[in-house]
C-alpha atoms as a PDB file:
ATOM      1  CA  MET A   1       0.000   0.000   0.000  1.00  0.00           C
ATOM      2  CA  ALA A   2       2.899   2.369   0.671  1.00  0.00           C
ATOM      3  CA  GLU A   3       4.035   1.887  -2.916  1.00  0.00           C
ATOM      4  CA  VAL A   4       0.498   2.619  -4.168  1.00  0.00           C
ATOM      5  CA  VAL A   5       0.431   5.856  -2.161  1.00  0.00           C
ATOM      6  CA  GLN A   6       3.891   6.778  -3.411  1.00  0.00           C
ATOM      7  CA  ALA A   7       2.811   6.339  -7.052  1.00  0.00           C
ATOM      8  CA  ALA A   8      -0.563   8.024  -6.493  1.00  0.00           C
ATOM      9  CA  MET A   9       1.021  11.174  -5.045  1.00  0.00           C
ATOM     10  CA  LYS A  10       3.564  11.735  -7.842  1.00  0.00           C
ATOM     11  CA  PRO A  11       1.144  13.479 -10.251  1.00  0.00           C
ATOM     12  CA  TYR A  12       0.410  16.013  -7.515  1.00  0.00           C
ATOM     13  CA  GLY A  13       4.049  16.968  -7.048  1.00  0.00           C
ATOM     14  CA  TYR A  14       4.903  14.874  -3.997  1.00  0.00           C
ATOM     15  CA  ASP A  15       7.973  12.635  -3.670  1.00  0.00           C
ATOM     16  CA  VAL A  16       6.883  10.184  -0.954  1.00  0.00           C
ATOM     17  CA  GLN A  17       9.694   8.214   0.680  1.00  0.00           C
ATOM     18  CA  ILE A  18       8.943   4.756   2.072  1.00  0.00           C
ATOM     19  CA  CYS A  19      10.107   3.214   5.333  1.00  0.00           C
ATOM     20  CA  TYR A  20      10.026  -0.483   4.489  1.00  0.00           C
ATOM     21  CA  ASN A  21      10.487  -1.724   8.059  1.00  0.00           C
ATOM     22  CA  CYS A  22       7.996   0.594   9.793  1.00  0.00           C
ATOM     23  CA  ASN A  23       5.363  -2.108   9.572  1.00  0.00           C
ATOM     24  CA  ALA A  24       3.163  -4.483  11.598  1.00  0.00           C
ATOM     25  CA  ALA A  25       2.106  -3.586  15.144  1.00  0.00           C
ATOM     26  CA  ALA A  26       4.895  -1.010  15.496  1.00  0.00           C
ATOM     27  CA  ALA A  27       3.567   1.114  12.624  1.00  0.00           C
ATOM     28  CA  PRO A  28       1.010   3.228  14.560  1.00  0.00           C
ATOM     29  CA  ARG A  29       3.590   3.844  17.296  1.00  0.00           C
ATOM     30  CA  ILE A  30       6.135   5.109  14.773  1.00  0.00           C
ATOM     31  CA  VAL A  31       3.645   7.457  13.104  1.00  0.00           C
ATOM     32  CA  SER A  32       2.034   8.655  16.332  1.00  0.00           C
ATOM     33  CA  ASP A  33       5.402   9.516  17.900  1.00  0.00           C
ATOM     34  CA  ALA A  34       6.932  10.866  14.657  1.00  0.00           C
ATOM     35  CA  ARG A  35       9.826   8.452  15.123  1.00  0.00           C
ATOM     36  CA  THR A  36      12.651   7.965  12.674  1.00  0.00           C
ATOM     37  CA  PRO A  37      12.809   4.525  11.010  1.00  0.00           C
ATOM     38  CA  PRO A  38      14.210   1.729  13.187  1.00  0.00           C
ATOM     39  CA  PRO A  39      17.413  -0.072  12.155  1.00  0.00           C
ATOM     40  CA  TYR A  40      16.954  -2.545   9.320  1.00  0.00           C
ATOM     41  CA  GLN A  41      16.408  -6.153  10.384  1.00  0.00           C
ATOM     42  CA  PRO A  42      15.843  -9.007   7.913  1.00  0.00           C
ATOM     43  CA  ASP A  43      12.436 -10.668   8.198  1.00  0.00           C
ATOM     44  CA  SER A  44      12.425 -14.384   7.417  1.00  0.00           C
ATOM     45  CA  ALA A  45       8.787 -14.150   6.271  1.00  0.00           C
ATOM     46  CA  VAL A  46       9.381 -11.286   3.825  1.00  0.00           C
ATOM     47  CA  PRO A  47      11.941 -11.487   0.998  1.00  0.00           C
ATOM     48  CA  GLU A  48      14.127  -8.424   0.648  1.00  0.00           C
ATOM     49  CA  ILE A  49      12.673  -7.586  -2.760  1.00  0.00           C
ATOM     50  CA  LEU A  50       9.347  -6.856  -0.998  1.00  0.00           C
ATOM     51  CA  ALA A  51      10.922  -5.055   1.948  1.00  0.00           C
ATOM     52  CA  PRO A  52      14.228  -3.584   0.778  1.00  0.00           C
ATOM     53  CA  ARG A  53      16.565  -1.552   2.908  1.00  0.00           C
ATOM     54  CA  ASN A  54      15.461   2.028   3.422  1.00  0.00           C
ATOM     55  CA  ALA A  55      17.029   4.900   1.551  1.00  0.00           C
ATOM     56  CA  PRO A  56      19.665   6.615   3.741  1.00  0.00           C
ATOM     57  CA  GLY A  57      18.813   9.738   5.664  1.00  0.00           C
ATOM     58  CA  LEU A  58      15.079   9.267   6.153  1.00  0.00           C
ATOM     59  CA  GLY A  59      13.640  11.667   8.707  1.00  0.00           C
ATOM     60  CA  ALA A  60      10.683  11.324  11.035  1.00  0.00           C
ATOM     61  CA  VAL A  61       7.787   9.285   9.630  1.00  0.00           C
ATOM     62  CA  ASP A  62       4.780  11.462   8.762  1.00  0.00           C
ATOM     63  CA  PHE A  63       2.082   8.957   7.792  1.00  0.00           C
ATOM     64  CA  GLY A  64       1.592   5.281   7.158  1.00  0.00           C
ATOM     65  CA  ALA A  65      -0.583   2.363   6.093  1.00  0.00           C
ATOM     66  CA  VAL A  66      -1.660  -0.481   8.353  1.00  0.00           C
ATOM     67  CA  ALA A  67      -4.501  -2.958   8.811  1.00  0.00           C
ATOM     68  CA  ILE A  68      -7.488  -1.117  10.241  1.00  0.00           C
ATOM     69  CA  GLN A  69      -7.609  -3.269  13.384  1.00  0.00           C
ATOM     70  CA  PHE A  70      -4.079  -2.179  14.368  1.00  0.00           C
ATOM     71  CA  LEU A  71      -4.989   1.478  13.877  1.00  0.00           C
ATOM     72  CA  ARG A  72      -8.173   1.151  15.946  1.00  0.00           C
ATOM     73  CA  ASN A  73      -6.432  -0.683  18.760  1.00  0.00           C
ATOM     74  CA  ALA A  74      -3.561   1.819  18.873  1.00  0.00           C
ATOM     75  CA  TYR A  75      -6.011   4.726  18.981  1.00  0.00           C
ATOM     76  CA  ARG A  76      -7.893   3.135  21.890  1.00  0.00           C
ATOM     77  CA  GLY A  77      -4.917   1.592  23.704  1.00  0.00           C
ATOM     78  CA  MET A  78      -6.197  -1.959  23.366  1.00  0.00           C
ATOM     79  CA  GLY A  79      -4.935  -5.318  22.102  1.00  0.00           C
ATOM     80  CA  PRO A  80      -1.159  -5.178  21.528  1.00  0.00           C
ATOM     81  CA  TYR A  81      -1.220  -1.569  22.787  1.00  0.00           C
ATOM     82  CA  ALA A  82      -3.069  -2.298  26.033  1.00  0.00           C
ATOM     83  CA  LYS A  83      -0.069  -1.367  28.200  1.00  0.00           C
ATOM     84  CA  GLU A  84       0.358   1.964  26.417  1.00  0.00           C
ATOM     85  CA  LYS A  85      -1.621   5.177  26.536  1.00  0.00           C
ATOM     86  CA  PRO A  86      -4.203   5.593  23.743  1.00  0.00           C
ATOM     87  CA  ARG A  87      -2.657   7.212  20.683  1.00  0.00           C
ATOM     88  CA  THR A  88      -5.466   9.700  20.195  1.00  0.00           C
ATOM     89  CA  ASN A  89      -3.431  11.883  17.808  1.00  0.00           C
ATOM     90  CA  LEU A  90      -3.894   9.339  14.987  1.00  0.00           C
ATOM     91  CA  ARG A  91      -6.192  10.360  12.128  1.00  0.00           C
ATOM     92  CA  LEU A  92      -7.613   8.422   9.187  1.00  0.00           C
ATOM     93  CA  LEU A  93      -6.922   9.596   5.626  1.00  0.00           C
ATOM     94  CA  ALA A  94      -8.421   6.721   3.623  1.00  0.00           C
ATOM     95  CA  ASN A  95      -9.639   3.198   4.341  1.00  0.00           C
ATOM     96  CA  ILE A  96      -8.966   0.923   1.363  1.00  0.00           C
ATOM     97  CA  GLN A  97     -10.791  -2.405   1.305  1.00  0.00           C
ATOM     98  CA  ASP A  98      -8.968  -5.751   1.311  1.00  0.00           C
ATOM     99  CA  PRO A  99     -10.680  -8.932   2.536  1.00  0.00           C
ATOM    100  CA  SER A 100      -9.333 -11.247   5.228  1.00  0.00           C
ATOM    101  CA  TYR A 101     -11.142 -14.416   6.296  1.00  0.00           C
ATOM    102  CA  VAL A 102     -10.636 -16.401   9.509  1.00  0.00           C
ATOM    103  CA  LEU A 103      -9.636 -19.885   8.361  1.00  0.00           C
ATOM    104  CA  VAL A 104      -9.277 -23.238  10.121  1.00  0.00           C
ATOM    105  CA  ALA A 105      -8.083 -26.364   8.334  1.00  0.00           C
ATOM    106  CA  ALA A 106      -6.707 -29.806   9.155  1.00  0.00           C
ATOM    107  CA  LYS A 107      -4.590 -32.067   7.012  1.00  0.00           C
ATOM    108  CA  ALA A 108      -6.992 -34.567   5.478  1.00  0.00           C
ATOM    109  CA  ALA A 109      -4.801 -37.459   6.627  1.00  0.00           C
ATOM    110  CA  THR A 110      -5.524 -36.630  10.290  1.00  0.00           C
ATOM    111  CA  GLY A 111      -9.241 -37.318   9.918  1.00  0.00           C
ATOM    112  CA  ILE A 112      -9.971 -34.195  12.000  1.00  0.00           C
ATOM    113  CA  THR A 113     -13.228 -32.552  10.956  1.00  0.00           C
ATOM    114  CA  ASP A 114     -14.081 -30.792  14.233  1.00  0.00           C
ATOM    115  CA  LEU A 115     -11.699 -29.207  16.736  1.00  0.00           C
ATOM    116  CA  SER A 116     -13.623 -30.824  19.605  1.00  0.00           C
ATOM    117  CA  GLN A 117     -12.044 -34.142  18.560  1.00  0.00           C
ATOM    118  CA  ILE A 118      -8.667 -32.955  19.830  1.00  0.00           C
ATOM    119  CA  ARG A 119      -9.682 -32.670  23.479  1.00  0.00           C
ATOM    120  CA  GLN A 120     -11.927 -35.714  23.378  1.00  0.00           C
ATOM    121  CA  LYS A 121      -9.134 -37.973  22.148  1.00  0.00           C
ATOM    122  CA  ARG A 122      -6.194 -36.057  23.658  1.00  0.00           C
ATOM    123  CA  TRP A 123      -4.366 -36.187  20.375  1.00  0.00           C
ATOM    124  CA  PRO A 124      -0.843 -34.682  20.334  1.00  0.00           C
ATOM    125  CA  VAL A 125      -1.609 -32.182  17.570  1.00  0.00           C
ATOM    126  CA  ARG A 126       0.767 -29.747  15.911  1.00  0.00           C
ATOM    127  CA  ILE A 127      -0.950 -26.401  15.289  1.00  0.00           C
ATOM    128  CA  LEU A 128       0.302 -23.891  12.741  1.00  0.00           C
ATOM    129  CA  THR A 129      -0.703 -20.274  13.370  1.00  0.00           C
ATOM    130  CA  ALA A 130      -0.982 -19.082   9.788  1.00  0.00           C
ATOM    131  CA  GLY A 131      -1.488 -15.621   8.322  1.00  0.00           C
ATOM    132  CA  ILE A 132      -2.707 -12.512  10.086  1.00  0.00           C
ATOM    133  CA  GLY A 133      -5.223 -12.179  12.892  1.00  0.00           C
ATOM    134  CA  GLY A 134      -5.108 -12.935  16.602  1.00  0.00           C
ATOM    135  CA  ASP A 135      -8.040 -15.327  16.800  1.00  0.00           C
ATOM    136  CA  SER A 136      -6.236 -18.656  17.254  1.00  0.00           C
ATOM    137  CA  SER A 137      -6.098 -18.534  21.076  1.00  0.00           C
ATOM    138  CA  ARG A 138      -9.777 -17.611  21.293  1.00  0.00           C
ATOM    139  CA  ILE A 139     -10.749 -20.376  18.864  1.00  0.00           C
ATOM    140  CA  LEU A 140      -8.781 -22.995  20.795  1.00  0.00           C
ATOM    141  CA  ALA A 141     -10.178 -21.775  24.127  1.00  0.00           C
ATOM    142  CA  HIS A 142     -13.715 -22.390  22.868  1.00  0.00           C
ATOM    143  CA  PHE A 143     -12.823 -26.078  22.668  1.00  0.00           C
ATOM    144  CA  GLY A 144     -11.090 -26.154  26.057  1.00  0.00           C
ATOM    145  CA  LEU A 145      -7.635 -25.993  24.495  1.00  0.00           C
ATOM    146  CA  SER A 146      -4.616 -23.801  25.124  1.00  0.00           C
ATOM    147  CA  ARG A 147      -0.902 -23.892  24.517  1.00  0.00           C
ATOM    148  CA  PRO A 148      -0.240 -25.640  27.894  1.00  0.00           C
ATOM    149  CA  THR A 149      -2.899 -28.328  27.312  1.00  0.00           C
ATOM    150  CA  ILE A 150      -1.698 -28.973  23.773  1.00  0.00           C
ATOM    151  CA  GLU A 151       1.941 -29.171  24.832  1.00  0.00           C
ATOM    152  CA  ALA A 152       1.012 -31.409  27.799  1.00  0.00           C
ATOM    153  CA  ALA A 153      -0.503 -33.860  25.319  1.00  0.00           C
ATOM    154  CA  GLY A 154       2.719 -33.867  23.292  1.00  0.00           C
ATOM    155  CA  GLY A 155       1.703 -31.310  20.665  1.00  0.00           C
ATOM    156  CA  ARG A 156       2.925 -27.809  19.859  1.00  0.00           C
ATOM    157  CA  ILE A 157       1.872 -24.440  18.458  1.00  0.00           C
ATOM    158  CA  GLY A 158       4.128 -22.446  16.158  1.00  0.00           C
ATOM    159  CA  SER A 159       4.587 -20.435  12.984  1.00  0.00           C
ATOM    160  CA  THR A 160       8.161 -21.236  11.939  1.00  0.00           C
ATOM    161  CA  PRO A 161       9.152 -22.570   8.505  1.00  0.00           C
ATOM    162  CA  GLU A 162       9.394 -26.004  10.131  1.00  0.00           C
ATOM    163  CA  ASP A 163       5.831 -25.662  11.422  1.00  0.00           C
ATOM    164  CA  ARG A 164       4.663 -24.952   7.874  1.00  0.00           C
ATOM    165  CA  GLU A 165       5.762 -28.448   6.916  1.00  0.00           C
ATOM    166  CA  ASN A 166       4.976 -30.394  10.072  1.00  0.00           C
ATOM    167  CA  PHE A 167       1.490 -29.450  11.231  1.00  0.00           C
ATOM    168  CA  ASP A 168      -1.866 -31.122  11.717  1.00  0.00           C
ATOM    169  CA  ILE A 169      -4.089 -28.045  11.988  1.00  0.00           C
ATOM    170  CA  ALA A 170      -3.709 -24.498  10.663  1.00  0.00           C
ATOM    171  CA  ILE A 171      -5.542 -21.509  12.158  1.00  0.00           C
ATOM    172  CA  GLY A 172      -5.320 -17.904  11.032  1.00  0.00           C
ATOM    173  CA  GLY A 173      -6.363 -15.344   8.466  1.00  0.00           C
ATOM    174  CA  GLY A 174      -6.136 -15.398   4.698  1.00  0.00           C
ATOM    175  CA  GLY A 175      -7.122 -13.109   1.876  1.00  0.00           C
ATOM    176  CA  GLY A 176      -7.051 -15.113  -1.317  1.00  0.00           C
ATOM    177  CA  MET A 177      -4.549 -16.270  -3.902  1.00  0.00           C
ATOM    178  CA  THR A 178      -1.877 -13.683  -3.166  1.00  0.00           C
ATOM    179  CA  THR A 179       1.857 -13.468  -2.707  1.00  0.00           C
ATOM    180  CA  ALA A 180       1.512 -11.108   0.256  1.00  0.00           C
ATOM    181  CA  PRO A 181       3.822 -12.444   2.991  1.00  0.00           C
ATOM    182  CA  GLU A 182       1.029 -12.431   5.581  1.00  0.00           C
ATOM    183  CA  TRP A 183      -1.322 -14.517   3.470  1.00  0.00           C
ATOM    184  CA  ARG A 184       0.701 -16.548   0.992  1.00  0.00           C
ATOM    185  CA  ILE A 185       1.155 -19.248   3.611  1.00  0.00           C
ATOM    186  CA  TRP A 186      -2.433 -20.369   2.918  1.00  0.00           C
ATOM    187  CA  THR A 187      -1.744 -20.517  -0.796  1.00  0.00           C
ATOM    188  CA  GLU A 188       1.369 -22.586  -0.139  1.00  0.00           C
ATOM    189  CA  ILE A 189      -0.048 -25.110   2.318  1.00  0.00           C
ATOM    190  CA  SER A 190      -3.315 -25.588   0.446  1.00  0.00           C
ATOM    191  CA  GLN A 191      -1.383 -26.399  -2.724  1.00  0.00           C
ATOM    192  CA  LYS A 192       1.124 -28.628  -0.980  1.00  0.00           C
ATOM    193  CA  PHE A 193      -1.224 -30.594   1.299  1.00  0.00           C
ATOM    194  CA  ASP A 194      -4.757 -31.957   1.126  1.00  0.00           C
ATOM    195  CA  LEU A 195      -6.704 -29.927   3.681  1.00  0.00           C
ATOM    196  CA  ASN A 196     -10.136 -30.230   5.270  1.00  0.00           C
ATOM    197  CA  PHE A 197     -11.435 -26.713   5.906  1.00  0.00           C
ATOM    198  CA  ILE A 198     -13.438 -26.680   9.138  1.00  0.00           C
ATOM    199  CA  GLU A 199     -16.589 -24.667   9.833  1.00  0.00           C
ATOM    200  CA  LEU A 200     -16.623 -23.140  13.309  1.00  0.00           C
ATOM    201  CA  PRO A 201     -19.743 -23.241  15.516  1.00  0.00           C
ATOM    202  CA  ASP A 202     -22.159 -20.372  15.157  1.00  0.00           C
ATOM    203  CA  ASP A 203     -21.863 -19.286  18.798  1.00  0.00           C
ATOM    204  CA  LEU A 204     -18.071 -19.075  18.465  1.00  0.00           C
ATOM    205  CA  LEU A 205     -18.371 -17.015  15.285  1.00  0.00           C
ATOM    206  CA  ALA A 206     -20.727 -14.652  17.098  1.00  0.00           C
ATOM    207  CA  GLU A 207     -18.163 -14.232  19.896  1.00  0.00           C
ATOM    208  CA  LEU A 208     -15.307 -13.640  17.466  1.00  0.00           C
ATOM    209  CA  ALA A 209     -17.348 -11.058  15.584  1.00  0.00           C
ATOM    210  CA  ARG A 210     -18.290  -9.238  18.781  1.00  0.00           C
ATOM    211  CA  GLU A 211     -14.965  -9.394  20.632  1.00  0.00           C
ATOM    212  CA  GLY A 212     -12.744  -8.799  17.613  1.00  0.00           C
ATOM    213  CA  GLU A 213     -14.973  -6.145  16.048  1.00  0.00           C
ATOM    214  CA  GLN A 214     -15.256  -8.240  12.919  1.00  0.00           C
ATOM    215  CA  ASP A 215     -18.151  -8.994  10.616  1.00  0.00           C
ATOM    216  CA  ARG A 216     -19.879 -12.239   9.814  1.00  0.00           C
ATOM    217  CA  GLY A 217     -19.042 -13.410   6.323  1.00  0.00           C
ATOM    218  CA  ILE A 218     -18.627 -16.343   3.958  1.00  0.00           C
ATOM    219  CA  ILE A 219     -15.428 -17.922   2.658  1.00  0.00           C
ATOM    220  CA  PRO A 220     -16.197 -18.366  -1.048  1.00  0.00           C
ATOM    221  CA  ALA A 221     -15.830 -21.815  -2.554  1.00  0.00           C
ATOM    222  CA  GLY A 222     -12.548 -22.085  -4.419  1.00  0.00           C
ATOM    223  CA  LEU A 223     -10.734 -19.352  -2.483  1.00  0.00           C
ATOM    224  CA  TYR A 224      -8.062 -21.975  -1.793  1.00  0.00           C
ATOM    225  CA  ARG A 225      -7.683 -25.546  -2.953  1.00  0.00           C
ATOM    226  CA  GLY A 226      -9.799 -27.683  -0.628  1.00  0.00           C
ATOM    227  CA  ILE A 227     -12.551 -25.129  -0.044  1.00  0.00           C
ATOM    228  CA  GLU A 228     -15.297 -26.941  -1.911  1.00  0.00           C
ATOM    229  CA  ARG A 229     -18.310 -25.157  -0.414  1.00  0.00           C
ATOM    230  CA  PRO A 230     -19.071 -21.710   0.999  1.00  0.00           C
ATOM    231  CA  ILE A 231     -18.048 -21.692   4.677  1.00  0.00           C
ATOM    232  CA  PRO A 232     -19.453 -19.250   7.276  1.00  0.00           C
ATOM    233  CA  THR A 233     -16.729 -17.389   9.153  1.00  0.00           C
ATOM    234  CA  VAL A 234     -15.812 -13.913  10.390  1.00  0.00           C
ATOM    235  CA  VAL A 235     -14.082 -11.372   8.182  1.00  0.00           C
ATOM    236  CA  ARG A 236     -12.062  -8.187   8.359  1.00  0.00           C
ATOM    237  CA  THR A 237     -11.404  -5.622   5.682  1.00  0.00           C
ATOM    238  CA  GLY A 238      -9.463  -2.416   5.469  1.00  0.00           C
ATOM    239  CA  THR A 239      -5.935  -1.132   5.030  1.00  0.00           C
ATOM    240  CA  ALA A 240      -5.931   2.312   6.591  1.00  0.00           C
ATOM    241  CA  ILE A 241      -3.814   5.162   5.261  1.00  0.00           C
ATOM    242  CA  TYR A 242      -3.400   7.435   8.252  1.00  0.00           C
ATOM    243  CA  GLY A 243      -1.428  10.263   9.788  1.00  0.00           C
ATOM    244  CA  ARG A 244      -1.436  12.514  12.821  1.00  0.00           C
ATOM    245  CA  ALA A 245      -3.720  15.324  13.912  1.00  0.00           C
ATOM    246  CA  ASP A 246      -0.910  17.828  13.244  1.00  0.00           C
ATOM    247  CA  MET A 247      -0.729  16.907   9.539  1.00  0.00           C
ATOM    248  CA  PRO A 248      -1.449  19.999   7.361  1.00  0.00           C
ATOM    249  CA  ASP A 249      -5.003  19.982   6.037  1.00  0.00           C
ATOM    250  CA  GLY A 250      -3.790  20.552   2.485  1.00  0.00           C
ATOM    251  CA  PHE A 251      -1.611  17.447   2.514  1.00  0.00           C
ATOM    252  CA  ALA A 252      -4.379  15.271   4.014  1.00  0.00           C
ATOM    253  CA  TYR A 253      -6.709  16.585   1.294  1.00  0.00           C
ATOM    254  CA  SER A 254      -4.152  15.688  -1.369  1.00  0.00           C
ATOM    255  CA  VAL A 255      -3.773  12.121  -0.079  1.00  0.00           C
ATOM    256  CA  ALA A 256      -7.541  11.585  -0.129  1.00  0.00           C
ATOM    257  CA  LYS A 257      -7.791  13.100  -3.615  1.00  0.00           C
ATOM    258  CA  ALA A 258      -4.866  11.087  -4.991  1.00  0.00           C
ATOM    259  CA  MET A 259      -6.167   7.757  -3.714  1.00  0.00           C
ATOM    260  CA  ASP A 260      -9.541   8.462  -5.326  1.00  0.00           C
ATOM    261  CA  GLU A 261      -8.287   9.765  -8.654  1.00  0.00           C
ATOM    262  CA  GLN A 262      -5.554   7.132  -8.992  1.00  0.00           C
ATOM    263  CA  GLN A 263      -7.697   4.098  -8.150  1.00  0.00           C
ATOM    264  CA  GLN A 264      -6.314   2.210 -11.148  1.00  0.00           C
ATOM    265  CA  LEU A 265      -3.112   1.690  -9.162  1.00  0.00           C
ATOM    266  CA  LEU A 266      -5.000  -0.641  -6.806  1.00  0.00           C
ATOM    267  CA  GLU A 267      -5.743  -3.067  -9.636  1.00  0.00           C
ATOM    268  CA  TRP A 268      -2.133  -4.019 -10.199  1.00  0.00           C
ATOM    269  CA  ARG A 269      -1.055  -5.072  -6.724  1.00  0.00           C
ATOM    270  CA  HIS A 270      -0.850  -8.611  -5.402  1.00  0.00           C
ATOM    271  CA  LEU A 271      -3.548  -7.907  -2.801  1.00  0.00           C
ATOM    272  CA  ASN A 272      -7.290  -7.673  -3.409  1.00  0.00           C
ATOM    273  CA  PHE A 273      -7.498  -3.911  -2.896  1.00  0.00           C
ATOM    274  CA  SER A 274     -10.650  -2.000  -3.816  1.00  0.00           C
ATOM    275  CA  TYR A 275     -11.935   1.543  -3.317  1.00  0.00           C
ATOM    276  CA  ASN A 276     -15.414   1.917  -1.824  1.00  0.00           C
ATOM    277  CA  VAL A 277     -16.846   5.446  -1.673  1.00  0.00           C
ATOM    278  CA  HIS A 278     -19.192   4.351   1.123  1.00  0.00           C
ATOM    279  CA  THR A 279     -16.382   3.222   3.439  1.00  0.00           C
ATOM    280  CA  VAL A 280     -13.187   5.006   2.374  1.00  0.00           C
ATOM    281  CA  TRP A 281     -13.822   7.709   4.999  1.00  0.00           C
ATOM    282  CA  ASN A 282     -14.844   5.323   7.812  1.00  0.00           C
ATOM    283  CA  GLY A 283     -12.194   4.731  10.464  1.00  0.00           C
ATOM    284  CA  TYR A 284     -14.660   3.514  13.097  1.00  0.00           C
ATOM    285  CA  GLU A 285     -13.439   5.106  16.343  1.00  0.00           C
ATOM    286  CA  VAL A 286     -10.433   6.736  14.662  1.00  0.00           C
ATOM    287  CA  PRO A 287     -11.379  10.297  13.619  1.00  0.00           C
ATOM    288  CA  LEU A 288     -11.094  11.340  10.003  1.00  0.00           C
ATOM    289  CA  HIS A 289      -8.523  14.070   9.393  1.00  0.00           C
ATOM    290  CA  PRO A 290     -10.313  17.369   8.619  1.00  0.00           C
ATOM    291  CA  GLY A 291      -8.399  17.774   5.359  1.00  0.00           C
ATOM    292  CA  ALA A 292      -9.481  14.331   4.135  1.00  0.00           C
ATOM    293  CA  ALA A 293     -13.023  14.989   5.367  1.00  0.00           C
ATOM    294  CA  ARG A 294     -13.171  18.148   3.237  1.00  0.00           C
ATOM    295  CA  TYR A 295     -12.369  16.123   0.124  1.00  0.00           C
ATOM    296  CA  TYR A 296     -14.935  13.386   0.826  1.00  0.00           C
ATOM    297  CA  LYS A 297     -17.616  15.993   1.542  1.00  0.00           C
ATOM    298  CA  GLU A 298     -16.848  17.811  -1.696  1.00  0.00           C
ATOM    299  CA  LYS A 299     -17.250  14.499  -3.558  1.00  0.00           C
ATOM    300  CA  ARG A 300     -20.428  13.761  -1.572  1.00  0.00           C
ATOM    301  CA  TYR A 301     -18.998  10.437  -0.391  1.00  0.00           C
ATOM    302  CA  MET A 302     -19.993  11.496   3.110  1.00  0.00           C
ATOM    303  CA  LYS A 303     -22.360  14.110   4.515  1.00  0.00           C
END
């Protein structure tokens, strides 16, 4: 998304520089505090061609892009930011849609079709936490399982390259046939192994939707190999482009305008990005920057 923003802003005279390692949960902290980029560290999950070393001499980070749930939690001081003060200086510029589904699957050879079988039979299962999303602990807890109980039975939970080969069950989030580092794991394991995709109980889905501020949704048949029917689940969507309250109104306006007028750039990325005029201005609890709000009101996307 940073590269989309960079390209979108060029016609308007801006030379946006990218911090390629200001990502994940740390991103809202870096933007909120106007920090300079952290030292480069290789990420085993992301090849360097997707996250190259930063250009030398980058200054303080002005704005960023992150999954909407990270932005909301940072603004409220919840989730991974629960021990920090709420970062109430964060402001939304644009919310670009990209779907993520909560997925649960077992290798077909295990015969597992319901997670309740694990506790009933005390199987020593190996669980792969795959993709994005923090729902795996909550899903396991619904079935009376946790890391200690699984390890006590001789199993394990992990997300290492070794775990990608040697697992019985995978739990996490996926967004389709994409090479994005966060999601490509589902493409890889579904092609490499025969998987049974498991439908979670309705009461658990209701809890996940409520507690994780997600929506109920359907995994479409054929999203990955092995998904042979539509499967009810919970879903998230939204990559938020955001800045701080002290961002000049004119710049915030330009970002909103550029992302609207250069929508064609979203088509050519490896993620399922889309621009929705009904939601691009919606940051939930995170306030919209006044400069961006002026643009969306002029376009009558919002009242």
